[in-house]
Amino acid sequence: MHIKTEADYEAALKEIEQLWGANHGSPDGDKLDVLVTLVEAYEEEHYPIPPPDPIEAILHYMENQGLSEHDLEPYFGSRLCVLEVLNRQRSLSLDMIRKLHKGLGIPADILVQPYTLQTP
């Protein structure tokens, strides 16, 4: 079993759909596990998902955790700094990235990604 072409990929997706719900440990369940693994590997190679924009990641985290801009002040230094970063008028500093990573658990590899600043 292999997935090397888009046709192989489409066929594997159809077969996964047919096998969905197969009992774990059964021959069909084992085949489903293998196909899912192969499809995931194919998708990682051919349809990579770029890392999220750092500001979008912070906003998403704030929404999910119910945080306000005020809650971010310890990580940014001041309310003004929070607003400037979230409005893309100031870049995240290395110190801010470290604090956000350590204090909120936002992955540093996301926070260090380049992003566009608003020009005045």
Protein backbone atom coordinates (compact mmCIF):
# COMPACT_ATOMS: atom_id res chain seq x y z
CA MET A 1 0.00 0.00 0.00
CA HIS A 2 1.36 3.42 -0.93
CA ILE A 3 0.18 6.91 -1.76
CA LYS A 4 2.36 8.56 -4.37
CA THR A 5 -0.10 10.41 -6.60
CA GLU A 6 -3.20 12.52 -6.20
CA ALA A 7 -5.22 9.60 -7.59
CA ASP A 8 -3.78 7.30 -4.90
CA TYR A 9 -4.66 9.93 -2.30
CA GLU A 10 -8.27 10.25 -3.52
CA ALA A 11 -8.66 6.46 -3.59
CA ALA A 12 -7.32 6.20 -0.04
CA LEU A 13 -9.79 8.86 1.17
CA LYS A 14 -12.68 6.90 -0.38
CA GLU A 15 -11.49 3.69 1.22
CA ILE A 16 -11.14 5.42 4.61
CA GLU A 17 -14.72 6.63 4.28
CA GLN A 18 -15.88 3.05 3.64
CA LEU A 19 -13.86 1.66 6.55
CA TRP A 20 -14.79 4.41 9.00
CA GLY A 21 -16.15 2.93 12.21
CA ALA A 22 -14.38 -0.41 11.79
CA ASN A 23 -13.60 -2.14 15.07
CA HIS A 24 -10.15 -1.45 16.45
CA GLY A 25 -7.97 -4.54 16.10
CA SER A 26 -10.06 -6.07 13.34
CA PRO A 27 -8.56 -6.51 9.84
CA ASP A 28 -10.63 -3.56 8.60
CA GLY A 29 -9.67 -1.52 11.68
CA ASP A 30 -5.99 -2.24 11.07
CA LYS A 31 -6.33 -1.30 7.40
CA LEU A 32 -8.07 1.95 8.43
CA ASP A 33 -5.19 2.81 10.79
CA VAL A 34 -2.62 2.22 8.05
CA LEU A 35 -4.56 4.26 5.49
CA VAL A 36 -5.03 7.17 7.90
CA THR A 37 -1.29 7.17 8.64
CA LEU A 38 -0.44 7.14 4.92
CA VAL A 39 -2.93 9.93 4.15
CA GLU A 40 -1.56 12.08 6.98
CA ALA A 41 1.99 11.64 5.67
CA TYR A 42 0.89 12.52 2.12
CA GLU A 43 -0.99 15.60 3.36
CA GLU A 44 1.98 16.81 5.41
CA GLU A 45 4.18 16.62 2.33
CA HIS A 46 1.76 17.95 -0.30
CA TYR A 47 -0.57 20.19 1.69
CA PRO A 48 1.55 21.64 4.48
CA ILE A 49 -0.20 23.99 6.86
CA PRO A 50 1.88 27.09 7.46
CA PRO A 51 2.35 28.19 11.04
CA PRO A 52 -0.21 30.74 12.20
CA ASP A 53 0.49 34.44 12.24
CA PRO A 54 1.80 35.38 15.74
CA ILE A 55 -0.79 38.10 16.31
CA GLU A 56 -3.64 35.85 15.16
CA ALA A 57 -2.32 33.16 17.50
CA ILE A 58 -2.30 35.58 20.45
CA LEU A 59 -5.83 36.79 19.62
CA HIS A 60 -7.04 33.20 19.29
CA TYR A 61 -5.46 32.28 22.61
CA MET A 62 -7.03 35.35 24.27
CA GLU A 63 -10.47 34.40 22.96
CA ASN A 64 -10.17 30.75 24.00
CA GLN A 65 -8.92 31.61 27.49
CA GLY A 66 -11.27 34.55 28.02
CA LEU A 67 -8.38 36.99 28.41
CA SER A 68 -8.59 40.73 27.95
CA GLU A 69 -5.93 43.14 26.75
CA HIS A 70 -5.42 44.05 30.41
CA ASP A 71 -4.51 40.42 31.17
CA LEU A 72 -1.62 40.66 28.68
CA GLU A 73 0.03 43.70 30.30
CA PRO A 74 2.44 41.60 32.43
CA TYR A 75 3.75 39.95 29.26
CA PHE A 76 4.08 43.16 27.23
CA GLY A 77 4.98 45.72 29.87
CA SER A 78 2.12 48.20 29.47
CA ARG A 79 -1.38 48.59 28.07
CA LEU A 80 -0.03 50.83 25.31
CA CYS A 81 2.46 48.16 24.29
CA VAL A 82 -0.30 45.51 24.23
CA LEU A 83 -2.41 47.70 21.96
CA GLU A 84 0.51 48.54 19.66
CA VAL A 85 1.45 44.87 19.23
CA LEU A 86 -2.13 43.67 18.73
CA ASN A 87 -2.73 46.48 16.23
CA ARG A 88 0.50 45.52 14.41
CA GLN A 89 2.17 48.83 15.10
CA ARG A 90 5.01 47.25 17.11
CA SER A 91 6.86 43.96 16.75
CA LEU A 92 7.00 41.38 19.47
CA SER A 93 10.33 41.58 21.30
CA LEU A 94 12.29 38.52 22.35
CA ASP A 95 11.42 39.32 25.97
CA MET A 96 7.68 39.45 25.13
CA ILE A 97 7.94 36.15 23.25
CA ARG A 98 9.66 34.50 26.21
CA LYS A 99 7.05 35.80 28.64
CA LEU A 100 4.11 34.78 26.45
CA HIS A 101 5.59 31.33 25.98
CA LYS A 102 6.40 30.77 29.64
CA GLY A 103 3.35 32.46 31.12
CA LEU A 104 0.61 31.51 28.68
CA GLY A 105 2.06 28.48 26.95
CA ILE A 106 1.86 29.92 23.44
CA PRO A 107 4.47 28.00 21.41
CA ALA A 108 7.58 30.11 20.85
CA ASP A 109 7.99 28.72 17.32
CA ILE A 110 4.69 30.39 16.43
CA LEU A 111 5.52 33.67 18.14
CA VAL A 112 8.85 34.07 16.32
CA GLN A 113 7.26 33.84 12.86
CA PRO A 114 7.53 37.02 10.79
CA TYR A 115 4.40 39.08 10.33
CA THR A 116 3.46 42.32 8.65
CA LEU A 117 3.28 45.56 10.59
CA GLN A 118 0.83 48.33 9.76
CA THR A 119 2.54 51.36 8.30
CA PRO A 120 1.51 54.68 9.84
